[in-house]
C-alpha atoms as a PDB file:
ATOM      1  CA  UNK A   1      92.186 -57.480-147.942  1.00  0.00           C
ATOM      2  CA  UNK A   2      92.329 -60.695-145.921  1.00  0.00           C
ATOM      3  CA  UNK A   3      96.141 -60.685-146.120  1.00  0.00           C
ATOM      4  CA  UNK A   4      96.281 -57.088-144.950  1.00  0.00           C
ATOM      5  CA  UNK A   5      94.012 -57.968-142.053  1.00  0.00           C
ATOM      6  CA  UNK A   6      96.332 -60.814-141.081  1.00  0.00           C
ATOM      7  CA  UNK A   7      99.384 -58.557-141.247  1.00  0.00           C
ATOM      8  CA  UNK A   8      97.743 -56.185-138.812  1.00  0.00           C
ATOM      9  CA  UNK A   9      97.605 -59.196-136.522  1.00  0.00           C
ATOM     10  CA  UNK A  10      94.025 -58.645-135.443  1.00  0.00           C
ATOM     11  CA  UNK A  11      92.809 -62.227-135.155  1.00  0.00           C
ATOM     12  CA  UNK A  12      96.195 -63.618-134.221  1.00  0.00           C
ATOM     13  CA  UNK A  13      97.124 -60.944-131.714  1.00  0.00           C
ATOM     14  CA  UNK A  14      94.049 -61.525-129.578  1.00  0.00           C
ATOM     15  CA  UNK A  15      94.110 -65.316-129.669  1.00  0.00           C
ATOM     16  CA  UNK A  16      97.849 -66.017-129.484  1.00  0.00           C
ATOM     17  CA  UNK A  17      99.127 -63.475-126.974  1.00  0.00           C
ATOM     18  CA  UNK A  18      99.988 -65.062-123.645  1.00  0.00           C
ATOM     19  CA  UNK A  19      99.429 -68.661-124.742  1.00  0.00           C
ATOM     20  CA  UNK A  20     101.867 -70.018-122.166  1.00  0.00           C
ATOM     21  CA  UNK A  21     100.347 -67.854-119.440  1.00  0.00           C
ATOM     22  CA  UNK A  22      96.894 -69.133-120.331  1.00  0.00           C
ATOM     23  CA  UNK A  23      98.140 -72.707-120.323  1.00  0.00           C
ATOM     24  CA  UNK A  24      99.682 -72.017-116.901  1.00  0.00           C
ATOM     25  CA  UNK A  25      96.303 -70.790-115.672  1.00  0.00           C
ATOM     26  CA  UNK A  26      94.580 -73.923-116.946  1.00  0.00           C
ATOM     27  CA  UNK A  27      97.271 -76.143-115.394  1.00  0.00           C
ATOM     28  CA  UNK A  28      96.819 -74.437-112.044  1.00  0.00           C
ATOM     29  CA  UNK A  29      93.043 -74.951-112.168  1.00  0.00           C
ATOM     30  CA  UNK A  30      93.556 -78.639-112.947  1.00  0.00           C
ATOM     31  CA  UNK A  31      96.138 -79.071-110.192  1.00  0.00           C
ATOM     32  CA  UNK A  32      93.691 -77.521-107.730  1.00  0.00           C
ATOM     33  CA  UNK A  33      90.848 -79.747-109.022  1.00  0.00           C
ATOM     34  CA  UNK A  34      88.947 -76.690-110.162  1.00  0.00           C
ATOM     35  CA  UNK A  35      88.562 -77.575-113.848  1.00  0.00           C
ATOM     36  CA  UNK A  36      86.431 -80.110-115.704  1.00  0.00           C
ATOM     37  CA  UNK A  37      86.918 -81.950-118.982  1.00  0.00           C
ATOM     38  CA  UNK A  38      84.578 -82.230-121.975  1.00  0.00           C
ATOM     39  CA  UNK A  39      85.581 -85.065-124.334  1.00  0.00           C
ATOM     40  CA  UNK A  40      84.437 -85.330-127.957  1.00  0.00           C
ATOM     41  CA  UNK A  41      84.793 -87.828-130.768  1.00  0.00           C
ATOM     42  CA  UNK A  42      88.307 -86.658-131.658  1.00  0.00           C
ATOM     43  CA  UNK A  43      89.699 -88.456-128.613  1.00  0.00           C
ATOM     44  CA  UNK A  44      87.956 -91.732-129.469  1.00  0.00           C
ATOM     45  CA  UNK A  45      89.209 -91.322-133.038  1.00  0.00           C
ATOM     46  CA  UNK A  46      92.743 -91.855-131.736  1.00  0.00           C
ATOM     47  CA  UNK A  47      91.659 -95.491-131.297  1.00  0.00           C
ATOM     48  CA  UNK A  48      90.061 -95.570-134.761  1.00  0.00           C
ATOM     49  CA  UNK A  49      86.508 -95.120-133.560  1.00  0.00           C
ATOM     50  CA  UNK A  50      84.451 -93.211-136.170  1.00  0.00           C
ATOM     51  CA  UNK A  51      83.861 -89.483-136.408  1.00  0.00           C
ATOM     52  CA  UNK A  52      80.293 -88.146-136.564  1.00  0.00           C
ATOM     53  CA  UNK A  53      80.575 -88.040-140.392  1.00  0.00           C
ATOM     54  CA  UNK A  54      81.845 -91.609-140.597  1.00  0.00           C
ATOM     55  CA  UNK A  55      79.023 -92.845-138.373  1.00  0.00           C
ATOM     56  CA  UNK A  56      76.402 -91.158-140.575  1.00  0.00           C
ATOM     57  CA  UNK A  57      78.037 -92.677-143.669  1.00  0.00           C
ATOM     58  CA  UNK A  58      77.701 -96.113-142.042  1.00  0.00           C
ATOM     59  CA  UNK A  59      74.021 -95.535-141.318  1.00  0.00           C
ATOM     60  CA  UNK A  60      73.471 -94.473-144.928  1.00  0.00           C
ATOM     61  CA  UNK A  61      75.418 -97.450-146.209  1.00  0.00           C
ATOM     62  CA  UNK A  62      73.105 -99.773-144.276  1.00  0.00           C
ATOM     63  CA  UNK A  63      70.243 -98.290-146.305  1.00  0.00           C
ATOM     64  CA  UNK A  64      72.073 -98.783-149.596  1.00  0.00           C
ATOM     65  CA  UNK A  65      73.343 -95.226-150.069  1.00  0.00           C
ATOM     66  CA  UNK A  66      76.797 -94.177-151.216  1.00  0.00           C
ATOM     67  CA  UNK A  67      78.309 -91.813-148.642  1.00  0.00           C
ATOM     68  CA  UNK A  68      78.477 -88.714-150.865  1.00  0.00           C
ATOM     69  CA  UNK A  69      74.903 -89.154-152.062  1.00  0.00           C
ATOM     70  CA  UNK A  70      73.524 -89.730-148.561  1.00  0.00           C
ATOM     71  CA  UNK A  71      75.303 -86.637-147.196  1.00  0.00           C
ATOM     72  CA  UNK A  72      73.871 -84.531-150.022  1.00  0.00           C
ATOM     73  CA  UNK A  73      70.347 -85.121-148.728  1.00  0.00           C
ATOM     74  CA  UNK A  74      70.676 -83.115-145.519  1.00  0.00           C
ATOM     75  CA  UNK A  75      72.377 -82.329-142.228  1.00  0.00           C
ATOM     76  CA  UNK A  76      73.817 -85.219-140.231  1.00  0.00           C
ATOM     77  CA  UNK A  77      71.131 -85.071-137.516  1.00  0.00           C
ATOM     78  CA  UNK A  78      68.352 -85.256-140.118  1.00  0.00           C
ATOM     79  CA  UNK A  79      70.080 -88.146-141.880  1.00  0.00           C
ATOM     80  CA  UNK A  80      70.301 -90.002-138.566  1.00  0.00           C
ATOM     81  CA  UNK A  81      66.590 -89.296-138.086  1.00  0.00           C
ATOM     82  CA  UNK A  82      65.829 -90.767-141.505  1.00  0.00           C
ATOM     83  CA  UNK A  83      67.930 -93.858-140.837  1.00  0.00           C
ATOM     84  CA  UNK A  84      66.107 -94.448-137.563  1.00  0.00           C
ATOM     85  CA  UNK A  85      62.702 -93.981-139.236  1.00  0.00           C
ATOM     86  CA  UNK A  86      63.600 -96.528-141.909  1.00  0.00           C
ATOM     87  CA  UNK A  87      65.027 -99.175-139.571  1.00  0.00           C
ATOM     88  CA  UNK A  88      65.479 -98.351-135.878  1.00  0.00           C
ATOM     89  CA  UNK A  89      66.744-101.815-134.998  1.00  0.00           C
ATOM     90  CA  UNK A  90      69.467-101.573-137.643  1.00  0.00           C
ATOM     91  CA  UNK A  91      70.583 -98.180-136.282  1.00  0.00           C
ATOM     92  CA  UNK A  92      70.804 -99.607-132.754  1.00  0.00           C
ATOM     93  CA  UNK A  93      72.689-102.632-134.044  1.00  0.00           C
ATOM     94  CA  UNK A  94      75.121-100.407-135.958  1.00  0.00           C
ATOM     95  CA  UNK A  95      75.812 -98.306-132.862  1.00  0.00           C
ATOM     96  CA  UNK A  96      76.451-101.396-130.745  1.00  0.00           C
ATOM     97  CA  UNK A  97      78.747-102.946-133.345  1.00  0.00           C
ATOM     98  CA  UNK A  98      80.587 -99.721-134.133  1.00  0.00           C
ATOM     99  CA  UNK A  99      81.355 -98.825-130.531  1.00  0.00           C
ATOM    100  CA  UNK A 100      82.039-102.319-129.249  1.00  0.00           C
ATOM    101  CA  UNK A 101      85.293-102.501-127.320  1.00  0.00           C
ATOM    102  CA  UNK A 102      86.977-105.550-128.822  1.00  0.00           C
ATOM    103  CA  UNK A 103      90.162-107.216-127.643  1.00  0.00           C
ATOM    104  CA  UNK A 104      92.164-105.278-130.238  1.00  0.00           C
ATOM    105  CA  UNK A 105      90.637-101.997-129.083  1.00  0.00           C
ATOM    106  CA  UNK A 106      91.419-102.829-125.454  1.00  0.00           C
ATOM    107  CA  UNK A 107      95.038-103.542-126.320  1.00  0.00           C
ATOM    108  CA  UNK A 108      95.371-100.157-128.037  1.00  0.00           C
ATOM    109  CA  UNK A 109      93.456 -98.394-125.265  1.00  0.00           C
ATOM    110  CA  UNK A 110      95.561 -99.773-122.425  1.00  0.00           C
ATOM    111  CA  UNK A 111      98.729 -98.555-124.160  1.00  0.00           C
ATOM    112  CA  UNK A 112      97.255 -95.165-125.175  1.00  0.00           C
ATOM    113  CA  UNK A 113      99.339 -92.274-123.889  1.00  0.00           C
ATOM    114  CA  UNK A 114      96.427 -89.883-124.447  1.00  0.00           C
ATOM    115  CA  UNK A 115      94.120 -91.814-122.119  1.00  0.00           C
ATOM    116  CA  UNK A 116      96.961 -92.276-119.631  1.00  0.00           C
ATOM    117  CA  UNK A 117      97.481 -88.511-119.476  1.00  0.00           C
ATOM    118  CA  UNK A 118      93.757 -87.855-119.068  1.00  0.00           C
ATOM    119  CA  UNK A 119      93.772 -90.168-116.053  1.00  0.00           C
ATOM    120  CA  UNK A 120      96.903 -88.510-114.627  1.00  0.00           C
ATOM    121  CA  UNK A 121      95.358 -85.049-115.007  1.00  0.00           C
ATOM    122  CA  UNK A 122      92.671 -86.408-112.674  1.00  0.00           C
ATOM    123  CA  UNK A 123      89.705 -84.182-113.493  1.00  0.00           C
ATOM    124  CA  UNK A 124      86.956 -84.376-110.859  1.00  0.00           C
ATOM    125  CA  UNK A 125      84.288 -84.255-113.586  1.00  0.00           C
ATOM    126  CA  UNK A 126      84.377 -85.466-117.200  1.00  0.00           C
ATOM    127  CA  UNK A 127      81.542 -84.845-119.646  1.00  0.00           C
ATOM    128  CA  UNK A 128      81.471 -86.750-122.909  1.00  0.00           C
ATOM    129  CA  UNK A 129      79.189 -86.742-125.938  1.00  0.00           C
ATOM    130  CA  UNK A 130      80.762 -90.029-127.065  1.00  0.00           C
ATOM    131  CA  UNK A 131      78.631 -93.162-127.130  1.00  0.00           C
ATOM    132  CA  UNK A 132      81.600 -95.422-126.397  1.00  0.00           C
ATOM    133  CA  UNK A 133      82.806 -96.482-122.947  1.00  0.00           C
ATOM    134  CA  UNK A 134      86.537 -96.059-123.545  1.00  0.00           C
ATOM    135  CA  UNK A 135      87.040 -93.744-120.572  1.00  0.00           C
ATOM    136  CA  UNK A 136      85.255 -96.135-118.234  1.00  0.00           C
ATOM    137  CA  UNK A 137      87.207 -99.098-119.597  1.00  0.00           C
ATOM    138  CA  UNK A 138      90.554 -97.327-119.181  1.00  0.00           C
ATOM    139  CA  UNK A 139      89.780 -96.138-115.655  1.00  0.00           C
ATOM    140  CA  UNK A 140      88.646 -99.630-114.626  1.00  0.00           C
ATOM    141  CA  UNK A 141      91.738-101.239-116.139  1.00  0.00           C
ATOM    142  CA  UNK A 142      94.046 -98.785-114.360  1.00  0.00           C
ATOM    143  CA  UNK A 143      92.315 -99.278-111.000  1.00  0.00           C
ATOM    144  CA  UNK A 144      90.933 -95.734-110.773  1.00  0.00           C
ATOM    145  CA  UNK A 145      87.581 -95.593-109.007  1.00  0.00           C
ATOM    146  CA  UNK A 146      84.918 -93.446-110.673  1.00  0.00           C
ATOM    147  CA  UNK A 147      81.166 -92.940-110.990  1.00  0.00           C
ATOM    148  CA  UNK A 148      79.353 -93.077-114.317  1.00  0.00           C
ATOM    149  CA  UNK A 149      76.317 -90.799-114.489  1.00  0.00           C
ATOM    150  CA  UNK A 150      73.779 -91.817-117.129  1.00  0.00           C
ATOM    151  CA  UNK A 151      70.594 -90.659-115.404  1.00  0.00           C
ATOM    152  CA  UNK A 152      69.530 -88.518-112.458  1.00  0.00           C
ATOM    153  CA  UNK A 153      69.449 -91.432-110.015  1.00  0.00           C
ATOM    154  CA  UNK A 154      73.170 -92.019-110.667  1.00  0.00           C
ATOM    155  CA  UNK A 155      73.894 -88.647-109.058  1.00  0.00           C
ATOM    156  CA  UNK A 156      73.195 -90.245-105.680  1.00  0.00           C
ATOM    157  CA  UNK A 157      76.219 -92.497-106.231  1.00  0.00           C
ATOM    158  CA  UNK A 158      78.693 -89.581-106.346  1.00  0.00           C
ATOM    159  CA  UNK A 159      81.397 -89.750-103.681  1.00  0.00           C
ATOM    160  CA  UNK A 160      84.074 -87.215-102.792  1.00  0.00           C
ATOM    161  CA  UNK A 161      87.420 -87.975-104.400  1.00  0.00           C
ATOM    162  CA  UNK A 162      85.935 -90.151-107.152  1.00  0.00           C
ATOM    163  CA  UNK A 163      85.678 -88.561-110.597  1.00  0.00           C
ATOM    164  CA  UNK A 164      82.263 -88.636-112.229  1.00  0.00           C
ATOM    165  CA  UNK A 165      81.922 -89.404-115.929  1.00  0.00           C
ATOM    166  CA  UNK A 166      78.836 -87.678-117.332  1.00  0.00           C
ATOM    167  CA  UNK A 167      77.376 -89.397-120.421  1.00  0.00           C
ATOM    168  CA  UNK A 168      75.980 -86.204-121.914  1.00  0.00           C
ATOM    169  CA  UNK A 169      74.533 -87.769-125.073  1.00  0.00           C
ATOM    170  CA  UNK A 170      73.577 -91.068-123.527  1.00  0.00           C
ATOM    171  CA  UNK A 171      74.948 -94.553-123.115  1.00  0.00           C
ATOM    172  CA  UNK A 172      74.603 -97.777-125.099  1.00  0.00           C
ATOM    173  CA  UNK A 173      74.029 -99.942-122.037  1.00  0.00           C
ATOM    174  CA  UNK A 174      70.936-102.110-122.401  1.00  0.00           C
ATOM    175  CA  UNK A 175      68.980-100.168-119.767  1.00  0.00           C
ATOM    176  CA  UNK A 176      70.072 -96.726-120.995  1.00  0.00           C
ATOM    177  CA  UNK A 177      69.684 -96.791-124.790  1.00  0.00           C
ATOM    178  CA  UNK A 178      66.689 -94.456-124.626  1.00  0.00           C
ATOM    179  CA  UNK A 179      69.120 -91.796-123.386  1.00  0.00           C
ATOM    180  CA  UNK A 180      71.059 -91.731-126.692  1.00  0.00           C
ATOM    181  CA  UNK A 181      71.003 -88.353-128.481  1.00  0.00           C
ATOM    182  CA  UNK A 182      71.599 -89.054-132.168  1.00  0.00           C
ATOM    183  CA  UNK A 183      68.717 -87.862-134.334  1.00  0.00           C
ATOM    184  CA  UNK A 184      67.336 -84.418-135.090  1.00  0.00           C
ATOM    185  CA  UNK A 185      64.276 -84.877-132.877  1.00  0.00           C
ATOM    186  CA  UNK A 186      66.435 -86.178-130.028  1.00  0.00           C
ATOM    187  CA  UNK A 187      68.626 -83.076-130.257  1.00  0.00           C
ATOM    188  CA  UNK A 188      65.576 -80.824-130.375  1.00  0.00           C
ATOM    189  CA  UNK A 189      64.105 -82.569-127.326  1.00  0.00           C
ATOM    190  CA  UNK A 190      67.166 -81.474-125.356  1.00  0.00           C
ATOM    191  CA  UNK A 191      66.878 -77.846-126.481  1.00  0.00           C
ATOM    192  CA  UNK A 192      64.511 -76.949-123.643  1.00  0.00           C
ATOM    193  CA  UNK A 193      67.494 -77.500-121.300  1.00  0.00           C
ATOM    194  CA  UNK A 194      65.271 -79.132-118.691  1.00  0.00           C
ATOM    195  CA  UNK A 195      67.031 -82.493-118.825  1.00  0.00           C
ATOM    196  CA  UNK A 196      68.947 -83.087-115.592  1.00  0.00           C
ATOM    197  CA  UNK A 197      72.209 -83.438-117.570  1.00  0.00           C
ATOM    198  CA  UNK A 198      71.801 -79.952-119.071  1.00  0.00           C
ATOM    199  CA  UNK A 199      71.009 -78.444-115.677  1.00  0.00           C
ATOM    200  CA  UNK A 200      74.006 -80.179-114.107  1.00  0.00           C
ATOM    201  CA  UNK A 201      76.329 -78.945-116.870  1.00  0.00           C
ATOM    202  CA  UNK A 202      75.190 -75.367-116.315  1.00  0.00           C
ATOM    203  CA  UNK A 203      75.797 -75.748-112.582  1.00  0.00           C
ATOM    204  CA  UNK A 204      79.261 -77.197-113.172  1.00  0.00           C
ATOM    205  CA  UNK A 205      80.169 -74.434-115.631  1.00  0.00           C
ATOM    206  CA  UNK A 206      79.330 -71.835-112.986  1.00  0.00           C
ATOM    207  CA  UNK A 207      81.944 -73.430-110.714  1.00  0.00           C
ATOM    208  CA  UNK A 208      84.638 -74.721-113.029  1.00  0.00           C
ATOM    209  CA  UNK A 209      86.540 -73.752-116.163  1.00  0.00           C
ATOM    210  CA  UNK A 210      86.018 -76.364-118.889  1.00  0.00           C
ATOM    211  CA  UNK A 211      88.640 -77.886-121.168  1.00  0.00           C
ATOM    212  CA  UNK A 212      87.176 -79.184-124.456  1.00  0.00           C
ATOM    213  CA  UNK A 213      89.182 -81.937-126.176  1.00  0.00           C
ATOM    214  CA  UNK A 214      88.448 -83.700-129.450  1.00  0.00           C
ATOM    215  CA  UNK A 215      85.468 -81.456-129.889  1.00  0.00           C
ATOM    216  CA  UNK A 216      84.624 -78.713-132.351  1.00  0.00           C
ATOM    217  CA  UNK A 217      81.735 -77.187-130.397  1.00  0.00           C
ATOM    218  CA  UNK A 218      79.515 -77.815-133.398  1.00  0.00           C
ATOM    219  CA  UNK A 219      76.487 -79.091-131.460  1.00  0.00           C
ATOM    220  CA  UNK A 220      74.031 -76.224-131.146  1.00  0.00           C
ATOM    221  CA  UNK A 221      72.602 -77.431-127.828  1.00  0.00           C
ATOM    222  CA  UNK A 222      76.047 -77.449-126.200  1.00  0.00           C
ATOM    223  CA  UNK A 223      76.842 -73.982-127.585  1.00  0.00           C
ATOM    224  CA  UNK A 224      73.578 -72.615-126.235  1.00  0.00           C
ATOM    225  CA  UNK A 225      74.249 -74.170-122.847  1.00  0.00           C
ATOM    226  CA  UNK A 226      77.640 -72.476-122.811  1.00  0.00           C
ATOM    227  CA  UNK A 227      75.982 -69.170-123.647  1.00  0.00           C
ATOM    228  CA  UNK A 228      73.451 -69.545-120.825  1.00  0.00           C
ATOM    229  CA  UNK A 229      76.147 -70.537-118.347  1.00  0.00           C
ATOM    230  CA  UNK A 230      78.359 -67.573-119.336  1.00  0.00           C
ATOM    231  CA  UNK A 231      75.362 -65.251-119.057  1.00  0.00           C
ATOM    232  CA  UNK A 232      74.755 -66.423-115.506  1.00  0.00           C
ATOM    233  CA  UNK A 233      78.442 -66.120-114.658  1.00  0.00           C
ATOM    234  CA  UNK A 234      78.556 -62.532-115.923  1.00  0.00           C
ATOM    235  CA  UNK A 235      75.435 -61.692-113.947  1.00  0.00           C
ATOM    236  CA  UNK A 236      77.273 -62.846-110.841  1.00  0.00           C
ATOM    237  CA  UNK A 237      80.281 -60.677-111.705  1.00  0.00           C
ATOM    238  CA  UNK A 238      82.845 -63.477-111.855  1.00  0.00           C
ATOM    239  CA  UNK A 239      83.895 -64.669-115.278  1.00  0.00           C
ATOM    240  CA  UNK A 240      84.966 -68.297-115.684  1.00  0.00           C
ATOM    241  CA  UNK A 241      86.820 -68.991-118.928  1.00  0.00           C
ATOM    242  CA  UNK A 242      86.539 -72.163-120.940  1.00  0.00           C
ATOM    243  CA  UNK A 243      89.405 -73.657-122.936  1.00  0.00           C
ATOM    244  CA  UNK A 244      89.536 -75.701-126.130  1.00  0.00           C
ATOM    245  CA  UNK A 245      92.336 -77.496-127.933  1.00  0.00           C
ATOM    246  CA  UNK A 246      91.990 -77.800-131.713  1.00  0.00           C
ATOM    247  CA  UNK A 247      94.522 -79.563-133.906  1.00  0.00           C
ATOM    248  CA  UNK A 248      93.892 -77.212-136.834  1.00  0.00           C
ATOM    249  CA  UNK A 249      94.385 -73.419-136.447  1.00  0.00           C
ATOM    250  CA  UNK A 250      91.379 -71.286-137.353  1.00  0.00           C
ATOM    251  CA  UNK A 251      91.936 -67.653-136.430  1.00  0.00           C
ATOM    252  CA  UNK A 252      88.389 -66.560-137.237  1.00  0.00           C
ATOM    253  CA  UNK A 253      86.962 -69.209-134.930  1.00  0.00           C
ATOM    254  CA  UNK A 254      89.528 -68.381-132.249  1.00  0.00           C
ATOM    255  CA  UNK A 255      88.497 -64.732-132.292  1.00  0.00           C
ATOM    256  CA  UNK A 256      84.807 -65.584-131.972  1.00  0.00           C
ATOM    257  CA  UNK A 257      85.544 -68.079-129.201  1.00  0.00           C
ATOM    258  CA  UNK A 258      87.605 -65.513-127.328  1.00  0.00           C
ATOM    259  CA  UNK A 259      84.767 -62.992-127.451  1.00  0.00           C
ATOM    260  CA  UNK A 260      82.653 -65.662-125.787  1.00  0.00           C
ATOM    261  CA  UNK A 261      85.277 -66.293-123.105  1.00  0.00           C
ATOM    262  CA  UNK A 262      86.663 -69.484-124.691  1.00  0.00           C
ATOM    263  CA  UNK A 263      90.458 -69.590-124.937  1.00  0.00           C
ATOM    264  CA  UNK A 264      91.839 -71.629-127.842  1.00  0.00           C
ATOM    265  CA  UNK A 265      95.037 -73.672-127.961  1.00  0.00           C
ATOM    266  CA  UNK A 266      96.062 -75.043-131.343  1.00  0.00           C
ATOM    267  CA  UNK A 267      98.612 -77.575-132.507  1.00  0.00           C
ATOM    268  CA  UNK A 268     101.228 -77.389-135.241  1.00  0.00           C
ATOM    269  CA  UNK A 269     101.124 -81.059-136.228  1.00  0.00           C
ATOM    270  CA  UNK A 270      99.400 -82.393-139.327  1.00  0.00           C
ATOM    271  CA  UNK A 271      98.833 -85.592-137.366  1.00  0.00           C
ATOM    272  CA  UNK A 272      95.930 -84.651-135.071  1.00  0.00           C
ATOM    273  CA  UNK A 273      96.573 -87.489-132.649  1.00  0.00           C
ATOM    274  CA  UNK A 274     100.224 -86.516-132.292  1.00  0.00           C
ATOM    275  CA  UNK A 275      99.309 -82.852-131.857  1.00  0.00           C
ATOM    276  CA  UNK A 276      96.759 -83.676-129.158  1.00  0.00           C
ATOM    277  CA  UNK A 277      99.261 -85.840-127.317  1.00  0.00           C
ATOM    278  CA  UNK A 278     101.919 -83.110-127.423  1.00  0.00           C
ATOM    279  CA  UNK A 279      99.441 -80.572-126.045  1.00  0.00           C
ATOM    280  CA  UNK A 280      98.466 -82.928-123.225  1.00  0.00           C
ATOM    281  CA  UNK A 281     102.120 -83.757-122.439  1.00  0.00           C
ATOM    282  CA  UNK A 282     102.892 -80.064-122.061  1.00  0.00           C
ATOM    283  CA  UNK A 283      99.800 -79.503-119.956  1.00  0.00           C
ATOM    284  CA  UNK A 284     100.575 -82.463-117.688  1.00  0.00           C
ATOM    285  CA  UNK A 285     104.125 -81.239-117.168  1.00  0.00           C
ATOM    286  CA  UNK A 286     102.782 -77.922-115.906  1.00  0.00           C
ATOM    287  CA  UNK A 287     100.131 -79.590-113.741  1.00  0.00           C
ATOM    288  CA  UNK A 288     102.730 -81.826-112.078  1.00  0.00           C
ATOM    289  CA  UNK A 289     104.864 -78.765-111.380  1.00  0.00           C
ATOM    290  CA  UNK A 290     101.965 -77.072-109.594  1.00  0.00           C
ATOM    291  CA  UNK A 291     101.195 -80.237-107.641  1.00  0.00           C
ATOM    292  CA  UNK A 292     104.790 -80.490-106.503  1.00  0.00           C
ATOM    293  CA  UNK A 293     104.673 -76.864-105.440  1.00  0.00           C
ATOM    294  CA  UNK A 294     101.523 -77.483-103.421  1.00  0.00           C
ATOM    295  CA  UNK A 295     102.987 -80.609-101.832  1.00  0.00           C
ATOM    296  CA  UNK A 296     106.069 -78.675-100.750  1.00  0.00           C
ATOM    297  CA  UNK A 297     104.047 -76.146 -98.794  1.00  0.00           C
ATOM    298  CA  UNK A 298     101.985 -73.940-101.103  1.00  0.00           C
ATOM    299  CA  UNK A 299      98.389 -73.718 -99.955  1.00  0.00           C
ATOM    300  CA  UNK A 300      95.629 -73.903-102.573  1.00  0.00           C
ATOM    301  CA  UNK A 301      91.894 -74.246-102.190  1.00  0.00           C
ATOM    302  CA  UNK A 302      90.261 -77.462-103.331  1.00  0.00           C
ATOM    303  CA  UNK A 303      86.599 -77.944-104.062  1.00  0.00           C
ATOM    304  CA  UNK A 304      84.684 -81.057-103.206  1.00  0.00           C
ATOM    305  CA  UNK A 305      82.507 -82.357-106.023  1.00  0.00           C
ATOM    306  CA  UNK A 306      78.936 -82.915-104.899  1.00  0.00           C
ATOM    307  CA  UNK A 307      77.054 -82.139-108.105  1.00  0.00           C
ATOM    308  CA  UNK A 308      74.298 -79.558-108.039  1.00  0.00           C
END
């Protein structure tokens, strides 16, 4: 039955038709500074930083658990909650050690083509659920001015022409560690969507298409925010699509995403890092083409980023 369904092309026909045209649309939005980026752990993983699973395994290991046994006891958020209840200082120490940017990491980061392309795409706004500061480090090293937003007072620092990096799940800086979203209760606390970061994301999603990279959209609070933002967009009669790149094809997921106005691009490489880089190379090529066209006389609107 599943094979017959595939042959009819139902999932594939809806998600694959016009891939180049959709990529062209995204490239045009980026060239016109009318798209924002949402970065997940998959991008940091290109520099060997841990996935969500690997981080939870580390927290369990600190408590004396084998990874498989620890994972069998519950969902990752609940396991993080347990680890924090047992030894909060050890959890904080693990986060600081795990996401420390060492000299070796810096060397890899500065030569990373993926991070170079992200800078060249020049998004006006970047959201990230990552606890690391790789984006900030790369931008600083390359001389690109930017504003990091960790709390509501940082919004006053926003300046036109400078990208803002939104630390959606917090930051490990000494003064901002209370902002970290890691445990079940911390996720639940954000589910009322009254945190300034949630409100700002909804406002940004009303203005801009979003490109998700290195992210599976598995966090329920982010998915609900996307739903609320799309609901508001539809009420205002102008649909703004979101886009996601995934290294592994999943036609069921693509079909569900498409119904919710999320367009999926997938890679053909077994190596996820290589596939992501190839996708970004292709996207950058198209963006540069649009920028050249604009520079040679085409007129395009450009929005100034001022936050809410």
